[in-house]
Amino acid sequence: MRLNHVNLTEPLDLNDPNLVKALWKPEVYFPNAKHAEFQFVTVPNVLVRINPMGEILYMLR
């Protein structure tokens, strides 16, 4: 895995919205959706966790 690093012994949490915004993320869309709404929030609540084995958790609320 590309993010596997021998010096990383604990999960690394990235919760700074500006740092998370700089990361590439695939575009998510639902091609068969009939209706969709987007909720605007004042402060983005986002977390990216990189585990020592290279696994990535991306959470957006």
PDB file of N, CA and C in Angstrom:
ATOM      1  N   MET A   1       0.838  -1.187   0.000  1.00  0.00           N
ATOM      2  CA  MET A   1       0.000   0.000   0.000  1.00  0.00           C
ATOM      3  C   MET A   1       0.880   1.246   0.000  1.00  0.00           C
ATOM      4  N   ARG A   2       0.406   2.273  -0.636  1.00  0.00           N
ATOM      5  CA  ARG A   2       1.207   3.484  -0.773  1.00  0.00           C
ATOM      6  C   ARG A   2       1.387   4.228   0.531  1.00  0.00           C
ATOM      7  N   LEU A   3       0.400   4.175   1.433  1.00  0.00           N
ATOM      8  CA  LEU A   3       0.498   4.941   2.671  1.00  0.00           C
ATOM      9  C   LEU A   3       1.040   4.123   3.831  1.00  0.00           C
ATOM     10  N   ASN A   4       1.484   2.904   3.577  1.00  0.00           N
ATOM     11  CA  ASN A   4       2.096   2.080   4.604  1.00  0.00           C
ATOM     12  C   ASN A   4       3.467   2.671   4.945  1.00  0.00           C
ATOM     13  N   HIS A   5       3.690   2.968   6.218  1.00  0.00           N
ATOM     14  CA  HIS A   5       4.937   3.611   6.630  1.00  0.00           C
ATOM     15  C   HIS A   5       5.441   2.953   7.911  1.00  0.00           C
ATOM     16  N   VAL A   6       6.704   2.563   7.936  1.00  0.00           N
ATOM     17  CA  VAL A   6       7.250   1.838   9.085  1.00  0.00           C
ATOM     18  C   VAL A   6       7.324   2.697  10.346  1.00  0.00           C
ATOM     19  N   ASN A   7       7.448   4.001  10.228  1.00  0.00           N
ATOM     20  CA  ASN A   7       7.550   4.870  11.398  1.00  0.00           C
ATOM     21  C   ASN A   7       6.193   5.280  11.960  1.00  0.00           C
ATOM     22  N   LEU A   8       5.122   4.928  11.293  1.00  0.00           N
ATOM     23  CA  LEU A   8       3.780   5.256  11.771  1.00  0.00           C
ATOM     24  C   LEU A   8       3.301   4.101  12.646  1.00  0.00           C
ATOM     25  N   THR A   9       3.211   4.330  13.956  1.00  0.00           N
ATOM     26  CA  THR A   9       2.835   3.260  14.889  1.00  0.00           C
ATOM     27  C   THR A   9       1.408   3.404  15.389  1.00  0.00           C
ATOM     28  N   GLU A  10       0.823   4.590  15.282  1.00  0.00           N
ATOM     29  CA  GLU A  10      -0.551   4.847  15.718  1.00  0.00           C
ATOM     30  C   GLU A  10      -1.312   5.456  14.556  1.00  0.00           C
ATOM     31  N   PRO A  11      -2.645   5.348  14.572  1.00  0.00           N
ATOM     32  CA  PRO A  11      -3.422   6.005  13.516  1.00  0.00           C
ATOM     33  C   PRO A  11      -3.178   7.514  13.510  1.00  0.00           C
ATOM     34  N   LEU A  12      -3.102   8.075  12.331  1.00  0.00           N
ATOM     35  CA  LEU A  12      -2.884   9.507  12.151  1.00  0.00           C
ATOM     36  C   LEU A  12      -4.212  10.134  11.752  1.00  0.00           C
ATOM     37  N   ASP A  13      -4.729  11.049  12.567  1.00  0.00           N
ATOM     38  CA  ASP A  13      -6.005  11.716  12.293  1.00  0.00           C
ATOM     39  C   ASP A  13      -5.759  13.081  11.679  1.00  0.00           C
ATOM     40  N   LEU A  14      -6.396  13.317  10.545  1.00  0.00           N
ATOM     41  CA  LEU A  14      -6.346  14.629   9.894  1.00  0.00           C
ATOM     42  C   LEU A  14      -7.746  15.205   9.988  1.00  0.00           C
ATOM     43  N   ASN A  15      -7.937  16.215  10.814  1.00  0.00           N
ATOM     44  CA  ASN A  15      -9.263  16.813  10.950  1.00  0.00           C
ATOM     45  C   ASN A  15      -9.283  18.294  10.602  1.00  0.00           C
ATOM     46  N   ASP A  16      -8.213  18.790  10.031  1.00  0.00           N
ATOM     47  CA  ASP A  16      -8.168  20.179   9.566  1.00  0.00           C
ATOM     48  C   ASP A  16      -8.854  20.237   8.206  1.00  0.00           C
ATOM     49  N   PRO A  17      -9.965  20.962   8.054  1.00  0.00           N
ATOM     50  CA  PRO A  17     -10.686  20.998   6.779  1.00  0.00           C
ATOM     51  C   PRO A  17      -9.822  21.473   5.606  1.00  0.00           C
ATOM     52  N   ASN A  18      -8.892  22.396   5.840  1.00  0.00           N
ATOM     53  CA  ASN A  18      -8.043  22.875   4.748  1.00  0.00           C
ATOM     54  C   ASN A  18      -7.073  21.793   4.283  1.00  0.00           C
ATOM     55  N   LEU A  19      -6.560  21.011   5.212  1.00  0.00           N
ATOM     56  CA  LEU A  19      -5.661  19.923   4.862  1.00  0.00           C
ATOM     57  C   LEU A  19      -6.422  18.813   4.141  1.00  0.00           C
ATOM     58  N   VAL A  20      -7.601  18.482   4.623  1.00  0.00           N
ATOM     59  CA  VAL A  20      -8.411  17.438   4.001  1.00  0.00           C
ATOM     60  C   VAL A  20      -8.852  17.875   2.603  1.00  0.00           C
ATOM     61  N   LYS A  21      -9.120  19.167   2.432  1.00  0.00           N
ATOM     62  CA  LYS A  21      -9.541  19.674   1.122  1.00  0.00           C
ATOM     63  C   LYS A  21      -8.424  19.534   0.083  1.00  0.00           C
ATOM     64  N   ALA A  22      -7.174  19.547   0.535  1.00  0.00           N
ATOM     65  CA  ALA A  22      -6.037  19.439  -0.383  1.00  0.00           C
ATOM     66  C   ALA A  22      -5.816  18.007  -0.874  1.00  0.00           C
ATOM     67  N   LEU A  23      -6.435  17.030  -0.221  1.00  0.00           N
ATOM     68  CA  LEU A  23      -6.293  15.642  -0.630  1.00  0.00           C
ATOM     69  C   LEU A  23      -7.206  15.328  -1.807  1.00  0.00           C
ATOM     70  N   TRP A  24      -6.728  14.481  -2.715  1.00  0.00           N
ATOM     71  CA  TRP A  24      -7.574  14.048  -3.823  1.00  0.00           C
ATOM     72  C   TRP A  24      -8.579  13.026  -3.314  1.00  0.00           C
ATOM     73  N   LYS A  25      -9.847  13.196  -3.696  1.00  0.00           N
ATOM     74  CA  LYS A  25     -10.899  12.257  -3.353  1.00  0.00           C
ATOM     75  C   LYS A  25     -11.707  11.988  -4.611  1.00  0.00           C
ATOM     76  N   PRO A  26     -12.115  10.747  -4.850  1.00  0.00           N
ATOM     77  CA  PRO A  26     -12.933  10.472  -6.038  1.00  0.00           C
ATOM     78  C   PRO A  26     -14.302  11.138  -5.911  1.00  0.00           C
ATOM     79  N   GLU A  27     -14.883  11.516  -7.015  1.00  0.00           N
ATOM     80  CA  GLU A  27     -16.208  12.126  -7.025  1.00  0.00           C
ATOM     81  C   GLU A  27     -17.260  11.047  -6.819  1.00  0.00           C
ATOM     82  N   VAL A  28     -18.181  11.295  -5.921  1.00  0.00           N
ATOM     83  CA  VAL A  28     -19.258  10.342  -5.648  1.00  0.00           C
ATOM     84  C   VAL A  28     -20.537  10.887  -6.262  1.00  0.00           C
ATOM     85  N   TYR A  29     -21.216  10.047  -7.020  1.00  0.00           N
ATOM     86  CA  TYR A  29     -22.496  10.457  -7.589  1.00  0.00           C
ATOM     87  C   TYR A  29     -23.391   9.238  -7.726  1.00  0.00           C
ATOM     88  N   PHE A  30     -24.676   9.498  -7.805  1.00  0.00           N
ATOM     89  CA  PHE A  30     -25.675   8.446  -7.933  1.00  0.00           C
ATOM     90  C   PHE A  30     -26.391   8.651  -9.262  1.00  0.00           C
ATOM     91  N   PRO A  31     -26.042   7.886 -10.297  1.00  0.00           N
ATOM     92  CA  PRO A  31     -26.580   8.145 -11.632  1.00  0.00           C
ATOM     93  C   PRO A  31     -28.093   7.934 -11.746  1.00  0.00           C
ATOM     94  N   ASN A  32     -28.701   7.133 -10.899  1.00  0.00           N
ATOM     95  CA  ASN A  32     -30.134   6.863 -10.998  1.00  0.00           C
ATOM     96  C   ASN A  32     -30.964   7.654 -10.000  1.00  0.00           C
ATOM     97  N   ALA A  33     -30.391   8.662  -9.383  1.00  0.00           N
ATOM     98  CA  ALA A  33     -31.118   9.431  -8.371  1.00  0.00           C
ATOM     99  C   ALA A  33     -32.224  10.256  -9.025  1.00  0.00           C
ATOM    100  N   LYS A  34     -33.376  10.249  -8.394  1.00  0.00           N
ATOM    101  CA  LYS A  34     -34.522  11.036  -8.875  1.00  0.00           C
ATOM    102  C   LYS A  34     -34.528  12.427  -8.257  1.00  0.00           C
ATOM    103  N   HIS A  35     -34.032  12.534  -7.026  1.00  0.00           N
ATOM    104  CA  HIS A  35     -34.064  13.805  -6.305  1.00  0.00           C
ATOM    105  C   HIS A  35     -32.895  13.828  -5.323  1.00  0.00           C
ATOM    106  N   ALA A  36     -32.270  14.964  -5.171  1.00  0.00           N
ATOM    107  CA  ALA A  36     -31.157  15.083  -4.227  1.00  0.00           C
ATOM    108  C   ALA A  36     -31.151  16.479  -3.627  1.00  0.00           C
ATOM    109  N   GLU A  37     -30.688  16.570  -2.410  1.00  0.00           N
ATOM    110  CA  GLU A  37     -30.534  17.848  -1.731  1.00  0.00           C
ATOM    111  C   GLU A  37     -29.152  17.894  -1.102  1.00  0.00           C
ATOM    112  N   PHE A  38     -28.580  19.079  -1.038  1.00  0.00           N
ATOM    113  CA  PHE A  38     -27.278  19.253  -0.407  1.00  0.00           C
ATOM    114  C   PHE A  38     -27.457  20.181   0.779  1.00  0.00           C
ATOM    115  N   GLN A  39     -26.968  19.763   1.926  1.00  0.00           N
ATOM    116  CA  GLN A  39     -27.090  20.557   3.133  1.00  0.00           C
ATOM    117  C   GLN A  39     -25.810  21.355   3.347  1.00  0.00           C
ATOM    118  N   PHE A  40     -25.938  22.660   3.436  1.00  0.00           N
ATOM    119  CA  PHE A  40     -24.788  23.511   3.695  1.00  0.00           C
ATOM    120  C   PHE A  40     -24.597  23.651   5.202  1.00  0.00           C
ATOM    121  N   VAL A  41     -23.365  23.523   5.661  1.00  0.00           N
ATOM    122  CA  VAL A  41     -23.057  23.650   7.082  1.00  0.00           C
ATOM    123  C   VAL A  41     -22.089  24.808   7.277  1.00  0.00           C
ATOM    124  N   THR A  42     -22.106  25.364   8.466  1.00  0.00           N
ATOM    125  CA  THR A  42     -21.226  26.509   8.734  1.00  0.00           C
ATOM    126  C   THR A  42     -19.778  26.062   8.938  1.00  0.00           C
ATOM    127  N   VAL A  43     -19.592  24.918   9.583  1.00  0.00           N
ATOM    128  CA  VAL A  43     -18.249  24.387   9.823  1.00  0.00           C
ATOM    129  C   VAL A  43     -18.223  22.941   9.332  1.00  0.00           C
ATOM    130  N   PRO A  44     -17.357  22.610   8.385  1.00  0.00           N
ATOM    131  CA  PRO A  44     -17.310  21.225   7.920  1.00  0.00           C
ATOM    132  C   PRO A  44     -16.832  20.285   9.020  1.00  0.00           C
ATOM    133  N   ASN A  45     -17.499  19.157   9.143  1.00  0.00           N
ATOM    134  CA  ASN A  45     -17.134  18.154  10.128  1.00  0.00           C
ATOM    135  C   ASN A  45     -16.574  16.963   9.365  1.00  0.00           C
ATOM    136  N   VAL A  46     -15.259  16.907   9.233  1.00  0.00           N
ATOM    137  CA  VAL A  46     -14.618  15.891   8.407  1.00  0.00           C
ATOM    138  C   VAL A  46     -13.440  15.295   9.163  1.00  0.00           C
ATOM    139  N   LEU A  47     -13.215  14.002   8.930  1.00  0.00           N
ATOM    140  CA  LEU A  47     -12.094  13.315   9.554  1.00  0.00           C
ATOM    141  C   LEU A  47     -11.485  12.366   8.542  1.00  0.00           C
ATOM    142  N   VAL A  48     -10.168  12.385   8.426  1.00  0.00           N
ATOM    143  CA  VAL A  48      -9.428  11.402   7.643  1.00  0.00           C
ATOM    144  C   VAL A  48      -8.461  10.731   8.606  1.00  0.00           C
ATOM    145  N   ARG A  49      -8.558   9.394   8.698  1.00  0.00           N
ATOM    146  CA  ARG A  49      -7.675   8.641   9.579  1.00  0.00           C
ATOM    147  C   ARG A  49      -6.852   7.692   8.712  1.00  0.00           C
ATOM    148  N   ILE A  50      -5.528   7.768   8.866  1.00  0.00           N
ATOM    149  CA  ILE A  50      -4.611   6.887   8.150  1.00  0.00           C
ATOM    150  C   ILE A  50      -4.027   5.920   9.174  1.00  0.00           C
ATOM    151  N   ASN A  51      -4.312   4.636   8.991  1.00  0.00           N
ATOM    152  CA  ASN A  51      -3.809   3.603   9.891  1.00  0.00           C
ATOM    153  C   ASN A  51      -2.388   3.211   9.495  1.00  0.00           C
ATOM    154  N   PRO A  52      -1.621   2.636  10.432  1.00  0.00           N
ATOM    155  CA  PRO A  52      -0.229   2.278  10.125  1.00  0.00           C
ATOM    156  C   PRO A  52      -0.066   1.330   8.938  1.00  0.00           C
ATOM    157  N   MET A  53      -1.057   0.502   8.649  1.00  0.00           N
ATOM    158  CA  MET A  53      -0.957  -0.428   7.525  1.00  0.00           C
ATOM    159  C   MET A  53      -1.380   0.226   6.202  1.00  0.00           C
ATOM    160  N   GLY A  54      -1.750   1.513   6.220  1.00  0.00           N
ATOM    161  CA  GLY A  54      -2.088   2.222   5.002  1.00  0.00           C
ATOM    162  C   GLY A  54      -3.572   2.324   4.719  1.00  0.00           C
ATOM    163  N   GLU A  55      -4.422   1.763   5.578  1.00  0.00           N
ATOM    164  CA  GLU A  55      -5.866   1.875   5.381  1.00  0.00           C
ATOM    165  C   GLU A  55      -6.314   3.300   5.675  1.00  0.00           C
ATOM    166  N   ILE A  56      -7.306   3.773   4.909  1.00  0.00           N
ATOM    167  CA  ILE A  56      -7.781   5.145   5.046  1.00  0.00           C
ATOM    168  C   ILE A  56      -9.262   5.134   5.406  1.00  0.00           C
ATOM    169  N   LEU A  57      -9.635   5.907   6.417  1.00  0.00           N
ATOM    170  CA  LEU A  57     -11.016   6.127   6.780  1.00  0.00           C
ATOM    171  C   LEU A  57     -11.339   7.579   6.481  1.00  0.00           C
ATOM    172  N   TYR A  58     -12.349   7.818   5.671  1.00  0.00           N
ATOM    173  CA  TYR A  58     -12.786   9.184   5.338  1.00  0.00           C
ATOM    174  C   TYR A  58     -14.201   9.323   5.831  1.00  0.00           C
ATOM    175  N   MET A  59     -14.444  10.237   6.773  1.00  0.00           N
ATOM    176  CA  MET A  59     -15.761  10.414   7.357  1.00  0.00           C
ATOM    177  C   MET A  59     -16.180  11.878   7.202  1.00  0.00           C
ATOM    178  N   LEU A  60     -17.381  12.061   6.686  1.00  0.00           N
ATOM    179  CA  LEU A  60     -17.930  13.408   6.497  1.00  0.00           C
ATOM    180  C   LEU A  60     -19.328  13.407   7.048  1.00  0.00           C
ATOM    181  N   ARG A  61     -19.611  14.351   7.944  1.00  0.00           N
ATOM    182  CA  ARG A  61     -20.968  14.465   8.512  1.00  0.00           C
ATOM    183  C   ARG A  61     -21.505  15.832   8.231  1.00  0.00           C
TER     184      ARG A  61
END
